[in-house]
C-alpha atoms as a PDB file:
ATOM      1  CA  UNK A   1       0.000   0.000   0.000  1.00  0.00           C
ATOM      2  CA  UNK A   2       2.879   2.344   0.726  1.00  0.00           C
ATOM      3  CA  UNK A   3       4.271   1.660  -2.748  1.00  0.00           C
ATOM      4  CA  UNK A   4       0.988   2.852  -4.269  1.00  0.00           C
ATOM      5  CA  UNK A   5       1.172   6.100  -2.308  1.00  0.00           C
ATOM      6  CA  UNK A   6       4.762   6.615  -3.479  1.00  0.00           C
ATOM      7  CA  UNK A   7       3.743   6.068  -7.108  1.00  0.00           C
ATOM      8  CA  UNK A   8       0.894   8.562  -6.736  1.00  0.00           C
ATOM      9  CA  UNK A   9       3.289  11.058  -5.172  1.00  0.00           C
ATOM     10  CA  UNK A  10       5.774  10.747  -8.053  1.00  0.00           C
ATOM     11  CA  UNK A  11       2.999  11.086 -10.623  1.00  0.00           C
ATOM     12  CA  UNK A  12       1.560  14.169  -8.950  1.00  0.00           C
ATOM     13  CA  UNK A  13       4.928  15.900  -8.838  1.00  0.00           C
ATOM     14  CA  UNK A  14       5.519  14.891 -12.452  1.00  0.00           C
ATOM     15  CA  UNK A  15       2.244  16.519 -13.511  1.00  0.00           C
ATOM     16  CA  UNK A  16       3.192  19.725 -11.683  1.00  0.00           C
ATOM     17  CA  UNK A  17       6.623  19.691 -13.348  1.00  0.00           C
ATOM     18  CA  UNK A  18       5.079  19.138 -16.783  1.00  0.00           C
ATOM     19  CA  UNK A  19       2.698  22.057 -16.275  1.00  0.00           C
ATOM     20  CA  UNK A  20       5.490  24.364 -15.172  1.00  0.00           C
ATOM     21  CA  UNK A  21       7.780  23.224 -17.975  1.00  0.00           C
ATOM     22  CA  UNK A  22       5.239  23.715 -20.759  1.00  0.00           C
ATOM     23  CA  UNK A  23       3.851  26.921 -19.270  1.00  0.00           C
ATOM     24  CA  UNK A  24       7.203  28.607 -18.829  1.00  0.00           C
ATOM     25  CA  UNK A  25       8.370  27.457 -22.263  1.00  0.00           C
ATOM     26  CA  UNK A  26       5.192  28.864 -23.817  1.00  0.00           C
ATOM     27  CA  UNK A  27       5.598  32.213 -22.077  1.00  0.00           C
ATOM     28  CA  UNK A  28       9.281  32.340 -23.031  1.00  0.00           C
ATOM     29  CA  UNK A  29       8.523  31.497 -26.657  1.00  0.00           C
ATOM     30  CA  UNK A  30       5.807  34.147 -26.813  1.00  0.00           C
ATOM     31  CA  UNK A  31       8.113  36.796 -25.365  1.00  0.00           C
ATOM     32  CA  UNK A  32      10.956  35.734 -27.676  1.00  0.00           C
ATOM     33  CA  UNK A  33       8.864  35.854 -30.832  1.00  0.00           C
ATOM     34  CA  UNK A  34       7.382  39.198 -29.773  1.00  0.00           C
ATOM     35  CA  UNK A  35      10.844  40.697 -29.239  1.00  0.00           C
ATOM     36  CA  UNK A  36      12.138  39.365 -32.552  1.00  0.00           C
ATOM     37  CA  UNK A  37       9.044  40.635 -34.369  1.00  0.00           C
ATOM     38  CA  UNK A  38       9.260  44.070 -32.784  1.00  0.00           C
ATOM     39  CA  UNK A  39      12.941  44.404 -33.680  1.00  0.00           C
ATOM     40  CA  UNK A  40      12.169  43.292 -37.240  1.00  0.00           C
ATOM     41  CA  UNK A  41       9.463  45.938 -37.585  1.00  0.00           C
ATOM     42  CA  UNK A  42      11.761  48.533 -36.061  1.00  0.00           C
ATOM     43  CA  UNK A  43      14.571  47.663 -38.464  1.00  0.00           C
ATOM     44  CA  UNK A  44      12.218  47.542 -41.457  1.00  0.00           C
ATOM     45  CA  UNK A  45      10.773  50.936 -40.623  1.00  0.00           C
ATOM     46  CA  UNK A  46      14.218  52.500 -40.306  1.00  0.00           C
ATOM     47  CA  UNK A  47      15.568  50.942 -43.515  1.00  0.00           C
ATOM     48  CA  UNK A  48      12.765  49.647 -45.759  1.00  0.00           C
ATOM     49  CA  UNK A  49      15.263  48.470 -48.384  1.00  0.00           C
ATOM     50  CA  UNK A  50      16.636  45.908 -45.896  1.00  0.00           C
ATOM     51  CA  UNK A  51      13.263  44.226 -45.344  1.00  0.00           C
ATOM     52  CA  UNK A  52      14.004  41.489 -47.893  1.00  0.00           C
ATOM     53  CA  UNK A  53      17.257  40.600 -46.145  1.00  0.00           C
ATOM     54  CA  UNK A  54      15.797  40.717 -42.643  1.00  0.00           C
ATOM     55  CA  UNK A  55      12.650  38.676 -43.262  1.00  0.00           C
ATOM     56  CA  UNK A  56      14.318  35.239 -43.722  1.00  0.00           C
ATOM     57  CA  UNK A  57      16.336  35.818 -40.569  1.00  0.00           C
ATOM     58  CA  UNK A  58      13.109  36.644 -38.710  1.00  0.00           C
ATOM     59  CA  UNK A  59      11.514  33.357 -39.740  1.00  0.00           C
ATOM     60  CA  UNK A  60      14.602  31.308 -38.874  1.00  0.00           C
ATOM     61  CA  UNK A  61      14.899  32.806 -35.402  1.00  0.00           C
ATOM     62  CA  UNK A  62      11.137  32.550 -34.777  1.00  0.00           C
ATOM     63  CA  UNK A  63      11.291  28.886 -35.805  1.00  0.00           C
ATOM     64  CA  UNK A  64      14.190  28.220 -33.454  1.00  0.00           C
ATOM     65  CA  UNK A  65      12.418  29.933 -30.570  1.00  0.00           C
ATOM     66  CA  UNK A  66       9.260  27.907 -31.229  1.00  0.00           C
ATOM     67  CA  UNK A  67      11.333  24.721 -31.439  1.00  0.00           C
ATOM     68  CA  UNK A  68      12.257  25.136 -27.775  1.00  0.00           C
ATOM     69  CA  UNK A  69       8.551  25.125 -26.885  1.00  0.00           C
ATOM     70  CA  UNK A  70       7.852  22.069 -29.053  1.00  0.00           C
ATOM     71  CA  UNK A  71      10.764  20.205 -27.445  1.00  0.00           C
ATOM     72  CA  UNK A  72       9.386  20.957 -23.984  1.00  0.00           C
ATOM     73  CA  UNK A  73       5.969  19.646 -25.054  1.00  0.00           C
ATOM     74  CA  UNK A  74       7.629  16.450 -26.325  1.00  0.00           C
ATOM     75  CA  UNK A  75       9.545  15.979 -23.065  1.00  0.00           C
ATOM     76  CA  UNK A  76       6.353  16.641 -21.125  1.00  0.00           C
ATOM     77  CA  UNK A  77       4.493  14.001 -23.114  1.00  0.00           C
ATOM     78  CA  UNK A  78       7.355  11.571 -22.566  1.00  0.00           C
ATOM     79  CA  UNK A  79       7.209  12.145 -18.830  1.00  0.00           C
ATOM     80  CA  UNK A  80       3.421  11.836 -18.828  1.00  0.00           C
ATOM     81  CA  UNK A  81       3.192   8.539 -20.692  1.00  0.00           C
ATOM     82  CA  UNK A  82       6.541   6.782 -20.148  1.00  0.00           C
ATOM     83  CA  UNK A  83       7.760   8.160 -16.843  1.00  0.00           C
ATOM     84  CA  UNK A  84      11.279   6.850 -16.168  1.00  0.00           C
ATOM     85  CA  UNK A  85      11.032   8.010 -12.555  1.00  0.00           C
ATOM     86  CA  UNK A  86       8.501   5.261 -11.837  1.00  0.00           C
ATOM     87  CA  UNK A  87      11.032   2.587 -12.798  1.00  0.00           C
ATOM     88  CA  UNK A  88      13.102   3.445  -9.724  1.00  0.00           C
ATOM     89  CA  UNK A  89      10.121   2.775  -7.459  1.00  0.00           C
ATOM     90  CA  UNK A  90       9.014  -0.519  -8.972  1.00  0.00           C
END
């Protein structure tokens, strides 16, 4: 019976960790994309002729910032469905 309580404890802390991980990654990605977008608009308004050169860099950096969020979602799903921490208990 004590083993069942320990498993429930590990799973509850794992759920809290997953929520924090995905939430903070989402907020960080949103702030990062907003900063990159604002700097792109600022640079394009100062030098409109550079917009063609800046736009591919904007999409690459926005994709890399969003990749961090997607990786945290994948790690969260891994911890939710195949929790390696439970193997130490069993």
